[in-house]
N, C-alpha and C. Protein backbone atom coordinates (compact mmCIF):
# COMPACT_ATOMS: atom_id res chain seq x y z
N MET A 1 -187.36 64.35 -75.51
CA MET A 1 -188.29 65.08 -74.69
C MET A 1 -187.34 65.53 -73.65
N ALA A 2 -186.59 65.07 -73.16
CA ALA A 2 -185.86 65.20 -72.42
C ALA A 2 -185.29 66.93 -72.61
N GLN A 3 -184.83 67.49 -73.58
CA GLN A 3 -184.28 68.85 -74.12
C GLN A 3 -185.37 69.49 -74.35
N ASP A 4 -186.36 69.48 -74.42
CA ASP A 4 -187.50 70.67 -74.07
C ASP A 4 -187.59 70.95 -72.74
N LYS A 5 -186.88 70.35 -71.12
CA LYS A 5 -187.36 71.24 -70.77
C LYS A 5 -187.17 72.80 -70.60
N ILE A 6 -188.11 73.31 -69.72
CA ILE A 6 -187.60 74.39 -69.65
C ILE A 6 -187.28 75.01 -67.91
N ARG A 7 -185.87 74.75 -68.16
CA ARG A 7 -185.15 75.89 -66.48
C ARG A 7 -185.50 77.23 -66.47
N MET A 8 -186.07 77.33 -65.56
CA MET A 8 -186.60 78.34 -64.39
C MET A 8 -185.21 78.47 -63.03
N PRO A 9 -185.36 80.16 -63.77
CA PRO A 9 -183.85 80.80 -62.22
C PRO A 9 -184.63 80.52 -60.94
N MET A 10 -183.06 80.23 -60.12
CA MET A 10 -183.09 79.62 -58.91
C MET A 10 -184.41 80.57 -57.89
N THR A 11 -184.93 80.96 -57.01
CA THR A 11 -185.54 81.55 -55.99
C THR A 11 -184.87 82.25 -55.15
N GLU A 12 -183.51 81.76 -54.67
CA GLU A 12 -182.47 82.30 -54.06
C GLU A 12 -182.01 83.04 -54.22
N ALA A 13 -181.38 82.17 -55.88
CA ALA A 13 -179.99 83.49 -55.87
C ALA A 13 -179.79 84.87 -55.88
N GLY A 14 -178.68 84.83 -55.22
CA GLY A 14 -179.06 85.91 -54.68
C GLY A 14 -179.25 86.90 -53.64
N LEU A 15 -179.68 86.53 -52.80
CA LEU A 15 -179.65 85.61 -51.32
C LEU A 15 -179.02 85.63 -50.54
N VAL A 16 -178.74 86.87 -49.82
CA VAL A 16 -177.25 86.84 -48.57
C VAL A 16 -177.93 86.89 -47.37
N ARG A 17 -177.77 85.47 -46.47
CA ARG A 17 -178.45 86.43 -45.27
C ARG A 17 -177.26 86.53 -44.31
N TYR A 18 -177.60 87.39 -43.58
CA TYR A 18 -177.27 88.47 -42.45
C TYR A 18 -177.49 88.53 -41.17
N SER A 19 -177.80 86.99 -40.48
CA SER A 19 -178.56 86.99 -39.33
C SER A 19 -177.05 86.81 -38.44
N ASP A 20 -175.94 86.46 -38.68
CA ASP A 20 -174.90 86.30 -37.95
C ASP A 20 -174.57 87.28 -37.65
N GLU A 21 -174.36 88.45 -38.52
CA GLU A 21 -173.77 89.87 -38.52
C GLU A 21 -175.12 90.91 -37.91
N ALA A 22 -175.96 90.82 -37.60
CA ALA A 22 -177.43 91.18 -37.20
C ALA A 22 -177.28 91.09 -35.10
N ALA A 23 -176.51 91.02 -34.78
CA ALA A 23 -177.26 89.61 -33.91
C ALA A 23 -177.27 91.29 -32.99
N SER A 24 -178.65 91.63 -31.93
CA SER A 24 -178.25 92.21 -31.14
C SER A 24 -178.27 92.24 -30.17
N LYS A 25 -177.46 92.78 -29.27
CA LYS A 25 -176.30 93.08 -28.15
C LYS A 25 -177.44 93.27 -27.00
N ILE A 26 -178.76 93.98 -26.95
CA ILE A 26 -179.99 93.29 -25.85
C ILE A 26 -180.76 92.36 -26.46
N GLN A 27 -180.60 91.81 -25.13
CA GLN A 27 -181.51 90.55 -25.99
C GLN A 27 -182.72 90.83 -24.38
N LEU A 28 -183.44 90.59 -25.04
CA LEU A 28 -185.16 90.45 -23.66
C LEU A 28 -185.80 89.66 -24.61
N LYS A 29 -186.87 88.91 -22.55
CA LYS A 29 -187.11 88.19 -22.58
C LYS A 29 -189.27 88.13 -23.71
N PRO A 30 -189.75 87.90 -23.78
CA PRO A 30 -190.86 88.31 -24.84
C PRO A 30 -192.09 89.33 -23.53
N GLU A 31 -192.07 88.52 -21.96
CA GLU A 31 -191.94 89.02 -20.79
C GLU A 31 -192.18 89.67 -20.74
N TYR A 32 -191.24 91.02 -21.08
CA TYR A 32 -190.48 91.34 -20.45
C TYR A 32 -191.65 93.00 -21.13
N VAL A 33 -191.96 92.36 -22.90
CA VAL A 33 -191.61 93.50 -23.85
C VAL A 33 -193.48 93.64 -23.43
N ILE A 34 -193.94 92.16 -23.31
CA ILE A 34 -195.45 92.71 -22.61
C ILE A 34 -195.43 93.26 -22.46
N ALA A 35 -194.95 92.98 -20.37
CA ALA A 35 -195.62 93.66 -19.85
C ALA A 35 -195.22 95.83 -20.40
N LEU A 36 -194.82 95.85 -20.67
CA LEU A 36 -193.81 96.94 -20.78
C LEU A 36 -194.74 97.69 -21.57
N ALA A 37 -195.17 97.22 -23.06
CA ALA A 37 -196.14 97.50 -23.57
C ALA A 37 -197.73 97.57 -22.43
N VAL A 38 -198.06 97.22 -21.83
CA VAL A 38 -198.31 96.61 -21.34
C VAL A 38 -198.02 97.54 -19.86
N ALA A 39 -197.85 98.32 -19.54
CA ALA A 39 -197.37 99.36 -18.10
C ALA A 39 -197.79 100.60 -18.99
N VAL A 40 -197.12 99.81 -21.06
CA VAL A 40 -197.43 101.90 -21.40
C VAL A 40 -198.50 102.50 -21.58
N ALA A 41 -199.35 100.86 -21.68
CA ALA A 41 -201.17 101.45 -21.71
C ALA A 41 -201.69 101.72 -21.25
N ALA A 42 -201.38 101.44 -19.53
CA ALA A 42 -201.93 101.76 -18.66
C ALA A 42 -201.93 103.37 -17.61
N ILE A 43 -200.70 103.46 -17.91
CA ILE A 43 -200.30 105.10 -18.11
C ILE A 43 -200.84 106.54 -18.59
N ALA A 44 -201.03 105.98 -20.34
CA ALA A 44 -201.18 106.45 -20.78
C ALA A 44 -203.31 106.44 -20.48
N ILE A 45 -203.80 105.38 -20.14
CA ILE A 45 -204.83 105.49 -19.89
C ILE A 45 -205.16 106.55 -18.27
N ILE A 46 -204.55 106.10 -17.66
CA ILE A 46 -204.45 106.60 -16.07
C ILE A 46 -204.67 108.96 -16.53
N LEU A 47 -203.28 108.63 -17.50
CA LEU A 47 -203.05 110.38 -17.74
C LEU A 47 -204.15 110.76 -18.34
N LYS A 48 -204.93 110.24 -19.75
CA LYS A 48 -205.87 110.44 -19.55
C LYS A 48 -206.69 110.60 -19.20
N VAL A 49 -207.46 109.57 -18.28
CA VAL A 49 -209.03 110.24 -16.61
C VAL A 49 -208.73 111.26 -16.56
N MET A 50 -206.77 111.31 -15.64
CA MET A 50 -207.05 112.37 -14.69
C MET A 50 -206.68 113.55 -15.48
N TYR A 51 -206.86 113.78 -16.63
CA TYR A 51 -206.36 115.62 -17.21
C TYR A 51 -207.10 115.26 -17.88
N GLN A 52 -208.67 114.65 -17.75
CA GLN A 52 -209.95 114.83 -18.55
C GLN A 52 -210.06 115.64 -18.52
């Protein structure tokens, strides 16, 4: 019975991790990204109201 086992291929076969090589030179805090998005949205709304 032990010889009847079906062997499935490994799920991670051939995958390579490049996280060490792909480190970004620019490191931003999440708070800065959210603040920038809010600022851009606010500017867009103000410009839309002013020039409507």
